[in-house]
Amino acid sequence: MRLTNMNEFDAVIARAEPIIATIVTRHRTEGQPLTWRLIHSIEGEVLAELNRADDLQPAYINLIRHSGVFNYPLNDDPVDFGESSAIACAFSMIYDAFHRVH
């Protein structure tokens, strides 16, 4: 039994990538470092934009958001995932885009 439709999930990822790039570019031009507070804020913007799309299913959008399981900080310290190999999808995409732009 398949729990997810990878085409739907891939559609969310494909739609999220340019949204993330646009938002990250805006914050990078403001000269802000990537902090925990900022990564949470960017994630919120991305999810809000994705949820406005009529053709994406909310269940698949929610798969990329962080869950309470990892208990990421919400402060102004720079983002550091340490040696973690389990990173929320949206956070990973935002982190990669932020450092690609920088």
PDB file of N, CA and C in Angstrom:
ATOM      1  N   MET A   1       0.838  -1.186   0.000  1.00  0.00           N
ATOM      2  CA  MET A   1       0.000   0.000   0.000  1.00  0.00           C
ATOM      3  C   MET A   1       0.882   1.248   0.000  1.00  0.00           C
ATOM      4  N   ARG A   2       0.612   2.137  -0.918  1.00  0.00           N
ATOM      5  CA  ARG A   2       1.361   3.385  -1.013  1.00  0.00           C
ATOM      6  C   ARG A   2       0.680   4.471  -0.200  1.00  0.00           C
ATOM      7  N   LEU A   3       1.431   5.130   0.639  1.00  0.00           N
ATOM      8  CA  LEU A   3       0.850   6.170   1.484  1.00  0.00           C
ATOM      9  C   LEU A   3       0.886   7.536   0.829  1.00  0.00           C
ATOM     10  N   THR A   4       1.773   7.728  -0.145  1.00  0.00           N
ATOM     11  CA  THR A   4       1.862   9.021  -0.812  1.00  0.00           C
ATOM     12  C   THR A   4       1.905   8.830  -2.316  1.00  0.00           C
ATOM     13  N   ASN A   5       1.448   9.843  -3.006  1.00  0.00           N
ATOM     14  CA  ASN A   5       1.536   9.886  -4.456  1.00  0.00           C
ATOM     15  C   ASN A   5       2.743  10.760  -4.770  1.00  0.00           C
ATOM     16  N   MET A   6       3.804  10.152  -5.255  1.00  0.00           N
ATOM     17  CA  MET A   6       5.048  10.896  -5.475  1.00  0.00           C
ATOM     18  C   MET A   6       4.880  11.998  -6.511  1.00  0.00           C
ATOM     19  N   ASN A   7       3.970  11.834  -7.467  1.00  0.00           N
ATOM     20  CA  ASN A   7       3.734  12.903  -8.431  1.00  0.00           C
ATOM     21  C   ASN A   7       3.202  14.150  -7.735  1.00  0.00           C
ATOM     22  N   GLU A   8       2.307  13.962  -6.788  1.00  0.00           N
ATOM     23  CA  GLU A   8       1.763  15.092  -6.021  1.00  0.00           C
ATOM     24  C   GLU A   8       2.851  15.738  -5.169  1.00  0.00           C
ATOM     25  N   PHE A   9       3.650  14.912  -4.512  1.00  0.00           N
ATOM     26  CA  PHE A   9       4.731  15.432  -3.682  1.00  0.00           C
ATOM     27  C   PHE A   9       5.756  16.168  -4.545  1.00  0.00           C
ATOM     28  N   ASP A  10       6.118  15.584  -5.677  1.00  0.00           N
ATOM     29  CA  ASP A  10       7.064  16.232  -6.593  1.00  0.00           C
ATOM     30  C   ASP A  10       6.523  17.562  -7.102  1.00  0.00           C
ATOM     31  N   ALA A  11       5.216  17.639  -7.309  1.00  0.00           N
ATOM     32  CA  ALA A  11       4.599  18.891  -7.749  1.00  0.00           C
ATOM     33  C   ALA A  11       4.754  19.970  -6.683  1.00  0.00           C
ATOM     34  N   VAL A  12       4.590  19.595  -5.422  1.00  0.00           N
ATOM     35  CA  VAL A  12       4.771  20.553  -4.324  1.00  0.00           C
ATOM     36  C   VAL A  12       6.221  21.032  -4.282  1.00  0.00           C
ATOM     37  N   ILE A  13       7.164  20.113  -4.394  1.00  0.00           N
ATOM     38  CA  ILE A  13       8.584  20.474  -4.374  1.00  0.00           C
ATOM     39  C   ILE A  13       8.907  21.395  -5.544  1.00  0.00           C
ATOM     40  N   ALA A  14       8.434  21.032  -6.731  1.00  0.00           N
ATOM     41  CA  ALA A  14       8.708  21.839  -7.923  1.00  0.00           C
ATOM     42  C   ALA A  14       8.126  23.240  -7.790  1.00  0.00           C
ATOM     43  N   ARG A  15       6.961  23.352  -7.200  1.00  0.00           N
ATOM     44  CA  ARG A  15       6.339  24.663  -7.018  1.00  0.00           C
ATOM     45  C   ARG A  15       7.032  25.444  -5.909  1.00  0.00           C
ATOM     46  N   ALA A  16       7.517  24.751  -4.888  1.00  0.00           N
ATOM     47  CA  ALA A  16       8.165  25.424  -3.758  1.00  0.00           C
ATOM     48  C   ALA A  16       9.519  26.019  -4.138  1.00  0.00           C
ATOM     49  N   GLU A  17      10.257  25.359  -5.012  1.00  0.00           N
ATOM     50  CA  GLU A  17      11.621  25.805  -5.328  1.00  0.00           C
ATOM     51  C   GLU A  17      11.699  27.257  -5.794  1.00  0.00           C
ATOM     52  N   PRO A  18      10.920  27.692  -6.796  1.00  0.00           N
ATOM     53  CA  PRO A  18      11.025  29.101  -7.208  1.00  0.00           C
ATOM     54  C   PRO A  18      10.483  30.068  -6.160  1.00  0.00           C
ATOM     55  N   ILE A  19       9.489  29.636  -5.394  1.00  0.00           N
ATOM     56  CA  ILE A  19       8.960  30.484  -4.320  1.00  0.00           C
ATOM     57  C   ILE A  19      10.052  30.715  -3.283  1.00  0.00           C
ATOM     58  N   ILE A  20      10.722  29.644  -2.895  1.00  0.00           N
ATOM     59  CA  ILE A  20      11.815  29.750  -1.924  1.00  0.00           C
ATOM     60  C   ILE A  20      12.918  30.643  -2.471  1.00  0.00           C
ATOM     61  N   ALA A  21      13.296  30.453  -3.729  1.00  0.00           N
ATOM     62  CA  ALA A  21      14.363  31.263  -4.327  1.00  0.00           C
ATOM     63  C   ALA A  21      14.017  32.748  -4.282  1.00  0.00           C
ATOM     64  N   THR A  22      12.785  33.094  -4.598  1.00  0.00           N
ATOM     65  CA  THR A  22      12.357  34.496  -4.585  1.00  0.00           C
ATOM     66  C   THR A  22      12.404  35.078  -3.176  1.00  0.00           C
ATOM     67  N   ILE A  23      11.867  34.354  -2.224  1.00  0.00           N
ATOM     68  CA  ILE A  23      11.830  34.843  -0.839  1.00  0.00           C
ATOM     69  C   ILE A  23      13.236  34.941  -0.267  1.00  0.00           C
ATOM     70  N   VAL A  24      14.051  33.930  -0.498  1.00  0.00           N
ATOM     71  CA  VAL A  24      15.430  33.933   0.013  1.00  0.00           C
ATOM     72  C   VAL A  24      16.217  35.088  -0.593  1.00  0.00           C
ATOM     73  N   THR A  25      16.057  35.326  -1.888  1.00  0.00           N
ATOM     74  CA  THR A  25      16.760  36.433  -2.541  1.00  0.00           C
ATOM     75  C   THR A  25      16.380  37.759  -1.900  1.00  0.00           C
ATOM     76  N   ARG A  26      15.109  37.932  -1.594  1.00  0.00           N
ATOM     77  CA  ARG A  26      14.655  39.166  -0.944  1.00  0.00           C
ATOM     78  C   ARG A  26      15.341  39.355   0.411  1.00  0.00           C
ATOM     79  N   HIS A  27      15.426  38.305   1.183  1.00  0.00           N
ATOM     80  CA  HIS A  27      16.053  38.413   2.501  1.00  0.00           C
ATOM     81  C   HIS A  27      17.567  38.568   2.402  1.00  0.00           C
ATOM     82  N   ARG A  28      18.164  37.928   1.427  1.00  0.00           N
ATOM     83  CA  ARG A  28      19.622  38.059   1.257  1.00  0.00           C
ATOM     84  C   ARG A  28      19.981  39.481   0.853  1.00  0.00           C
ATOM     85  N   THR A  29      19.175  40.125   0.024  1.00  0.00           N
ATOM     86  CA  THR A  29      19.491  41.491  -0.375  1.00  0.00           C
ATOM     87  C   THR A  29      19.309  42.455   0.786  1.00  0.00           C
ATOM     88  N   GLU A  30      18.546  42.063   1.770  1.00  0.00           N
ATOM     89  CA  GLU A  30      18.411  42.885   2.968  1.00  0.00           C
ATOM     90  C   GLU A  30      19.600  42.678   3.902  1.00  0.00           C
ATOM     91  N   GLY A  31      20.496  41.772   3.548  1.00  0.00           N
ATOM     92  CA  GLY A  31      21.704  41.544   4.335  1.00  0.00           C
ATOM     93  C   GLY A  31      21.499  40.742   5.604  1.00  0.00           C
ATOM     94  N   GLN A  32      20.391  40.045   5.711  1.00  0.00           N
ATOM     95  CA  GLN A  32      20.113  39.282   6.919  1.00  0.00           C
ATOM     96  C   GLN A  32      20.817  37.930   6.892  1.00  0.00           C
ATOM     97  N   PRO A  33      21.392  37.507   8.022  1.00  0.00           N
ATOM     98  CA  PRO A  33      21.902  36.131   8.095  1.00  0.00           C
ATOM     99  C   PRO A  33      20.710  35.185   8.251  1.00  0.00           C
ATOM    100  N   LEU A  34      20.920  33.923   7.968  1.00  0.00           N
ATOM    101  CA  LEU A  34      19.848  32.938   8.137  1.00  0.00           C
ATOM    102  C   LEU A  34      19.800  32.515   9.601  1.00  0.00           C
ATOM    103  N   THR A  35      18.798  33.016  10.293  1.00  0.00           N
ATOM    104  CA  THR A  35      18.599  32.673  11.700  1.00  0.00           C
ATOM    105  C   THR A  35      17.429  31.701  11.800  1.00  0.00           C
ATOM    106  N   TRP A  36      17.285  31.124  12.978  1.00  0.00           N
ATOM    107  CA  TRP A  36      16.147  30.224  13.198  1.00  0.00           C
ATOM    108  C   TRP A  36      14.832  30.969  13.012  1.00  0.00           C
ATOM    109  N   ARG A  37      14.758  32.184  13.514  1.00  0.00           N
ATOM    110  CA  ARG A  37      13.528  32.966  13.377  1.00  0.00           C
ATOM    111  C   ARG A  37      13.222  33.215  11.894  1.00  0.00           C
ATOM    112  N   LEU A  38      14.271  33.534  11.124  1.00  0.00           N
ATOM    113  CA  LEU A  38      14.081  33.817   9.704  1.00  0.00           C
ATOM    114  C   LEU A  38      13.687  32.562   8.928  1.00  0.00           C
ATOM    115  N   ILE A  39      14.299  31.427   9.225  1.00  0.00           N
ATOM    116  CA  ILE A  39      13.948  30.205   8.495  1.00  0.00           C
ATOM    117  C   ILE A  39      12.495  29.807   8.774  1.00  0.00           C
ATOM    118  N   HIS A  40      12.032  30.015  10.007  1.00  0.00           N
ATOM    119  CA  HIS A  40      10.623  29.758  10.334  1.00  0.00           C
ATOM    120  C   HIS A  40       9.723  30.717   9.543  1.00  0.00           C
ATOM    121  N   SER A  41      10.123  31.976   9.479  1.00  0.00           N
ATOM    122  CA  SER A  41       9.345  32.984   8.765  1.00  0.00           C
ATOM    123  C   SER A  41       9.266  32.673   7.269  1.00  0.00           C
ATOM    124  N   ILE A  42      10.403  32.321   6.682  1.00  0.00           N
ATOM    125  CA  ILE A  42      10.421  31.972   5.255  1.00  0.00           C
ATOM    126  C   ILE A  42       9.550  30.749   5.007  1.00  0.00           C
ATOM    127  N   GLU A  43       9.660  29.751   5.872  1.00  0.00           N
ATOM    128  CA  GLU A  43       8.823  28.561   5.719  1.00  0.00           C
ATOM    129  C   GLU A  43       7.344  28.950   5.730  1.00  0.00           C
ATOM    130  N   GLY A  44       6.965  29.835   6.637  1.00  0.00           N
ATOM    131  CA  GLY A  44       5.574  30.284   6.705  1.00  0.00           C
ATOM    132  C   GLY A  44       5.120  30.958   5.417  1.00  0.00           C
ATOM    133  N   GLU A  45       5.987  31.797   4.851  1.00  0.00           N
ATOM    134  CA  GLU A  45       5.662  32.459   3.580  1.00  0.00           C
ATOM    135  C   GLU A  45       5.497  31.442   2.455  1.00  0.00           C
ATOM    136  N   VAL A  46       6.405  30.485   2.404  1.00  0.00           N
ATOM    137  CA  VAL A  46       6.360  29.456   1.358  1.00  0.00           C
ATOM    138  C   VAL A  46       5.077  28.641   1.476  1.00  0.00           C
ATOM    139  N   LEU A  47       4.764  28.197   2.677  1.00  0.00           N
ATOM    140  CA  LEU A  47       3.560  27.383   2.882  1.00  0.00           C
ATOM    141  C   LEU A  47       2.295  28.171   2.557  1.00  0.00           C
ATOM    142  N   ALA A  48       2.265  29.447   2.926  1.00  0.00           N
ATOM    143  CA  ALA A  48       1.101  30.281   2.611  1.00  0.00           C
ATOM    144  C   ALA A  48       0.917  30.397   1.102  1.00  0.00           C
ATOM    145  N   GLU A  49       2.009  30.606   0.391  1.00  0.00           N
ATOM    146  CA  GLU A  49       1.945  30.707  -1.072  1.00  0.00           C
ATOM    147  C   GLU A  49       1.486  29.385  -1.689  1.00  0.00           C
ATOM    148  N   LEU A  50       2.037  28.285  -1.223  1.00  0.00           N
ATOM    149  CA  LEU A  50       1.639  26.978  -1.747  1.00  0.00           C
ATOM    150  C   LEU A  50       0.170  26.684  -1.461  1.00  0.00           C
ATOM    151  N   ASN A  51      -0.299  27.072  -0.293  1.00  0.00           N
ATOM    152  CA  ASN A  51      -1.695  26.818   0.073  1.00  0.00           C
ATOM    153  C   ASN A  51      -2.679  27.655  -0.738  1.00  0.00           C
ATOM    154  N   ARG A  52      -2.194  28.730  -1.363  1.00  0.00           N
ATOM    155  CA  ARG A  52      -3.057  29.533  -2.236  1.00  0.00           C
ATOM    156  C   ARG A  52      -3.288  28.851  -3.590  1.00  0.00           C
ATOM    157  N   ALA A  53      -2.452  27.901  -3.923  1.00  0.00           N
ATOM    158  CA  ALA A  53      -2.581  27.197  -5.208  1.00  0.00           C
ATOM    159  C   ALA A  53      -3.782  26.258  -5.162  1.00  0.00           C
ATOM    160  N   ASP A  54      -4.608  26.342  -6.171  1.00  0.00           N
ATOM    161  CA  ASP A  54      -5.805  25.497  -6.223  1.00  0.00           C
ATOM    162  C   ASP A  54      -5.499  24.064  -6.631  1.00  0.00           C
ATOM    163  N   ASP A  55      -4.341  23.847  -7.232  1.00  0.00           N
ATOM    164  CA  ASP A  55      -4.050  22.526  -7.785  1.00  0.00           C
ATOM    165  C   ASP A  55      -3.137  21.672  -6.907  1.00  0.00           C
ATOM    166  N   LEU A  56      -2.769  22.164  -5.735  1.00  0.00           N
ATOM    167  CA  LEU A  56      -1.927  21.391  -4.818  1.00  0.00           C
ATOM    168  C   LEU A  56      -2.757  20.950  -3.615  1.00  0.00           C
ATOM    169  N   GLN A  57      -2.571  19.720  -3.216  1.00  0.00           N
ATOM    170  CA  GLN A  57      -3.327  19.189  -2.087  1.00  0.00           C
ATOM    171  C   GLN A  57      -2.642  19.555  -0.767  1.00  0.00           C
ATOM    172  N   PRO A  58      -3.395  20.102   0.181  1.00  0.00           N
ATOM    173  CA  PRO A  58      -2.822  20.496   1.470  1.00  0.00           C
ATOM    174  C   PRO A  58      -2.059  19.377   2.176  1.00  0.00           C
ATOM    175  N   ALA A  59      -2.511  18.151   2.050  1.00  0.00           N
ATOM    176  CA  ALA A  59      -1.819  17.034   2.714  1.00  0.00           C
ATOM    177  C   ALA A  59      -0.385  16.906   2.212  1.00  0.00           C
ATOM    178  N   TYR A  60      -0.172  17.151   0.935  1.00  0.00           N
ATOM    179  CA  TYR A  60       1.178  17.046   0.371  1.00  0.00           C
ATOM    180  C   TYR A  60       2.007  18.281   0.694  1.00  0.00           C
ATOM    181  N   ILE A  61       1.359  19.423   0.773  1.00  0.00           N
ATOM    182  CA  ILE A  61       2.063  20.642   1.192  1.00  0.00           C
ATOM    183  C   ILE A  61       2.574  20.458   2.616  1.00  0.00           C
ATOM    184  N   ASN A  62       1.749  19.876   3.466  1.00  0.00           N
ATOM    185  CA  ASN A  62       2.137  19.677   4.868  1.00  0.00           C
ATOM    186  C   ASN A  62       3.306  18.716   5.038  1.00  0.00           C
ATOM    187  N   LEU A  63       3.567  17.884   4.048  1.00  0.00           N
ATOM    188  CA  LEU A  63       4.699  16.959   4.143  1.00  0.00           C
ATOM    189  C   LEU A  63       6.046  17.674   4.137  1.00  0.00           C
ATOM    190  N   ILE A  64       6.099  18.901   3.602  1.00  0.00           N
ATOM    191  CA  ILE A  64       7.397  19.586   3.554  1.00  0.00           C
ATOM    192  C   ILE A  64       7.635  20.480   4.767  1.00  0.00           C
ATOM    193  N   ARG A  65       6.613  20.741   5.544  1.00  0.00           N
ATOM    194  CA  ARG A  65       6.772  21.634   6.702  1.00  0.00           C
ATOM    195  C   ARG A  65       7.464  20.910   7.854  1.00  0.00           C
ATOM    196  N   HIS A  66       8.046  21.704   8.752  1.00  0.00           N
ATOM    197  CA  HIS A  66       8.681  21.063   9.908  1.00  0.00           C
ATOM    198  C   HIS A  66       7.591  20.584  10.864  1.00  0.00           C
ATOM    199  N   SER A  67       7.894  19.537  11.574  1.00  0.00           N
ATOM    200  CA  SER A  67       6.949  19.038  12.568  1.00  0.00           C
ATOM    201  C   SER A  67       7.503  19.375  13.948  1.00  0.00           C
ATOM    202  N   GLY A  68       6.688  19.227  14.937  1.00  0.00           N
ATOM    203  CA  GLY A  68       7.135  19.495  16.298  1.00  0.00           C
ATOM    204  C   GLY A  68       8.112  18.463  16.830  1.00  0.00           C
ATOM    205  N   VAL A  69       8.326  17.400  16.080  1.00  0.00           N
ATOM    206  CA  VAL A  69       9.196  16.312  16.524  1.00  0.00           C
ATOM    207  C   VAL A  69      10.626  16.799  16.747  1.00  0.00           C
ATOM    208  N   PHE A  70      11.118  17.652  15.835  1.00  0.00           N
ATOM    209  CA  PHE A  70      12.516  18.076  15.921  1.00  0.00           C
ATOM    210  C   PHE A  70      12.733  19.260  16.851  1.00  0.00           C
ATOM    211  N   ASN A  71      11.676  19.969  17.199  1.00  0.00           N
ATOM    212  CA  ASN A  71      11.762  21.052  18.171  1.00  0.00           C
ATOM    213  C   ASN A  71      12.846  22.072  17.821  1.00  0.00           C
ATOM    214  N   TYR A  72      12.781  22.603  16.597  1.00  0.00           N
ATOM    215  CA  TYR A  72      13.751  23.611  16.163  1.00  0.00           C
ATOM    216  C   TYR A  72      13.587  24.885  16.984  1.00  0.00           C
ATOM    217  N   PRO A  73      14.686  25.568  17.284  1.00  0.00           N
ATOM    218  CA  PRO A  73      14.590  26.813  18.054  1.00  0.00           C
ATOM    219  C   PRO A  73      13.860  27.904  17.268  1.00  0.00           C
ATOM    220  N   LEU A  74      13.408  28.904  17.974  1.00  0.00           N
ATOM    221  CA  LEU A  74      12.795  30.079  17.355  1.00  0.00           C
ATOM    222  C   LEU A  74      13.465  31.297  17.981  1.00  0.00           C
ATOM    223  N   ASN A  75      14.709  31.540  17.555  1.00  0.00           N
ATOM    224  CA  ASN A  75      15.477  32.655  18.100  1.00  0.00           C
ATOM    225  C   ASN A  75      16.332  33.264  16.993  1.00  0.00           C
ATOM    226  N   ASP A  76      17.193  34.194  17.354  1.00  0.00           N
ATOM    227  CA  ASP A  76      18.005  34.893  16.361  1.00  0.00           C
ATOM    228  C   ASP A  76      19.409  34.322  16.215  1.00  0.00           C
ATOM    229  N   ASP A  77      19.619  33.095  16.685  1.00  0.00           N
ATOM    230  CA  ASP A  77      20.900  32.418  16.464  1.00  0.00           C
ATOM    231  C   ASP A  77      20.967  31.938  15.018  1.00  0.00           C
ATOM    232  N   PRO A  78      22.169  31.880  14.450  1.00  0.00           N
ATOM    233  CA  PRO A  78      22.302  31.340  13.089  1.00  0.00           C
ATOM    234  C   PRO A  78      21.840  29.882  13.042  1.00  0.00           C
ATOM    235  N   VAL A  79      21.222  29.519  11.926  1.00  0.00           N
ATOM    236  CA  VAL A  79      20.763  28.140  11.740  1.00  0.00           C
ATOM    237  C   VAL A  79      21.965  27.213  11.678  1.00  0.00           C
ATOM    238  N   ASP A  80      21.911  26.161  12.488  1.00  0.00           N
ATOM    239  CA  ASP A  80      22.960  25.142  12.492  1.00  0.00           C
ATOM    240  C   ASP A  80      22.284  23.802  12.761  1.00  0.00           C
ATOM    241  N   PHE A  81      22.288  22.950  11.749  1.00  0.00           N
ATOM    242  CA  PHE A  81      21.676  21.633  11.901  1.00  0.00           C
ATOM    243  C   PHE A  81      22.645  20.626  12.495  1.00  0.00           C
ATOM    244  N   GLY A  82      23.873  21.053  12.746  1.00  0.00           N
ATOM    245  CA  GLY A  82      24.864  20.157  13.320  1.00  0.00           C
ATOM    246  C   GLY A  82      25.095  18.959  12.429  1.00  0.00           C
ATOM    247  N   GLU A  83      25.128  17.802  13.025  1.00  0.00           N
ATOM    248  CA  GLU A  83      25.361  16.557  12.287  1.00  0.00           C
ATOM    249  C   GLU A  83      24.050  15.859  11.928  1.00  0.00           C
ATOM    250  N   SER A  84      22.937  16.565  12.082  1.00  0.00           N
ATOM    251  CA  SER A  84      21.635  15.951  11.854  1.00  0.00           C
ATOM    252  C   SER A  84      21.479  15.487  10.413  1.00  0.00           C
ATOM    253  N   SER A  85      20.940  14.302  10.252  1.00  0.00           N
ATOM    254  CA  SER A  85      20.632  13.801   8.915  1.00  0.00           C
ATOM    255  C   SER A  85      19.121  13.794   8.686  1.00  0.00           C
ATOM    256  N   ALA A  86      18.380  14.264   9.667  1.00  0.00           N
ATOM    257  CA  ALA A  86      16.926  14.345   9.551  1.00  0.00           C
ATOM    258  C   ALA A  86      16.520  15.807   9.675  1.00  0.00           C
ATOM    259  N   ILE A  87      16.328  16.440   8.531  1.00  0.00           N
ATOM    260  CA  ILE A  87      15.993  17.861   8.495  1.00  0.00           C
ATOM    261  C   ILE A  87      14.680  18.010   7.739  1.00  0.00           C
ATOM    262  N   ALA A  88      13.799  18.855   8.252  1.00  0.00           N
ATOM    263  CA  ALA A  88      12.531  19.101   7.568  1.00  0.00           C
ATOM    264  C   ALA A  88      12.801  19.539   6.133  1.00  0.00           C
ATOM    265  N   CYS A  89      12.007  19.040   5.222  1.00  0.00           N
ATOM    266  CA  CYS A  89      12.208  19.291   3.796  1.00  0.00           C
ATOM    267  C   CYS A  89      12.262  20.789   3.479  1.00  0.00           C
ATOM    268  N   ALA A  90      11.286  21.549   3.949  1.00  0.00           N
ATOM    269  CA  ALA A  90      11.271  22.984   3.663  1.00  0.00           C
ATOM    270  C   ALA A  90      12.509  23.660   4.237  1.00  0.00           C
ATOM    271  N   PHE A  91      12.893  23.297   5.455  1.00  0.00           N
ATOM    272  CA  PHE A  91      14.086  23.897   6.060  1.00  0.00           C
ATOM    273  C   PHE A  91      15.326  23.574   5.239  1.00  0.00           C
ATOM    274  N   SER A  92      15.439  22.354   4.781  1.00  0.00           N
ATOM    275  CA  SER A  92      16.585  21.957   3.968  1.00  0.00           C
ATOM    276  C   SER A  92      16.632  22.755   2.666  1.00  0.00           C
ATOM    277  N   MET A  93      15.479  22.900   2.014  1.00  0.00           N
ATOM    278  CA  MET A  93      15.411  23.650   0.764  1.00  0.00           C
ATOM    279  C   MET A  93      15.751  25.120   0.987  1.00  0.00           C
ATOM    280  N   ILE A  94      15.251  25.696   2.067  1.00  0.00           N
ATOM    281  CA  ILE A  94      15.524  27.100   2.380  1.00  0.00           C
ATOM    282  C   ILE A  94      17.003  27.287   2.685  1.00  0.00           C
ATOM    283  N   TYR A  95      17.560  26.407   3.500  1.00  0.00           N
ATOM    284  CA  TYR A  95      18.980  26.483   3.868  1.00  0.00           C
ATOM    285  C   TYR A  95      19.861  26.405   2.618  1.00  0.00           C
ATOM    286  N   ASP A  96      19.574  25.445   1.757  1.00  0.00           N
ATOM    287  CA  ASP A  96      20.360  25.291   0.526  1.00  0.00           C
ATOM    288  C   ASP A  96      20.246  26.527  -0.357  1.00  0.00           C
ATOM    289  N   ALA A  97      19.034  27.034  -0.532  1.00  0.00           N
ATOM    290  CA  ALA A  97      18.833  28.216  -1.376  1.00  0.00           C
ATOM    291  C   ALA A  97      19.530  29.432  -0.783  1.00  0.00           C
ATOM    292  N   PHE A  98      19.461  29.587   0.519  1.00  0.00           N
ATOM    293  CA  PHE A  98      20.075  30.741   1.176  1.00  0.00           C
ATOM    294  C   PHE A  98      21.582  30.728   0.967  1.00  0.00           C
ATOM    295  N   HIS A  99      22.182  29.573   1.073  1.00  0.00           N
ATOM    296  CA  HIS A  99      23.634  29.487   0.923  1.00  0.00           C
ATOM    297  C   HIS A  99      24.067  29.461  -0.536  1.00  0.00           C
ATOM    298  N   ARG A 100      23.183  29.103  -1.433  1.00  0.00           N
ATOM    299  CA  ARG A 100      23.469  29.173  -2.863  1.00  0.00           C
ATOM    300  C   ARG A 100      23.465  30.631  -3.316  1.00  0.00           C
ATOM    301  N   VAL A 101      22.533  31.417  -2.799  1.00  0.00           N
ATOM    302  CA  VAL A 101      22.438  32.834  -3.141  1.00  0.00           C
ATOM    303  C   VAL A 101      23.617  33.592  -2.562  1.00  0.00           C
ATOM    304  N   HIS A 102      24.042  33.198  -1.374  1.00  0.00           N
ATOM    305  CA  HIS A 102      25.139  33.883  -0.678  1.00  0.00           C
ATOM    306  C   HIS A 102      26.420  33.447  -1.292  1.00  0.00           C
TER     307      HIS A 102
END
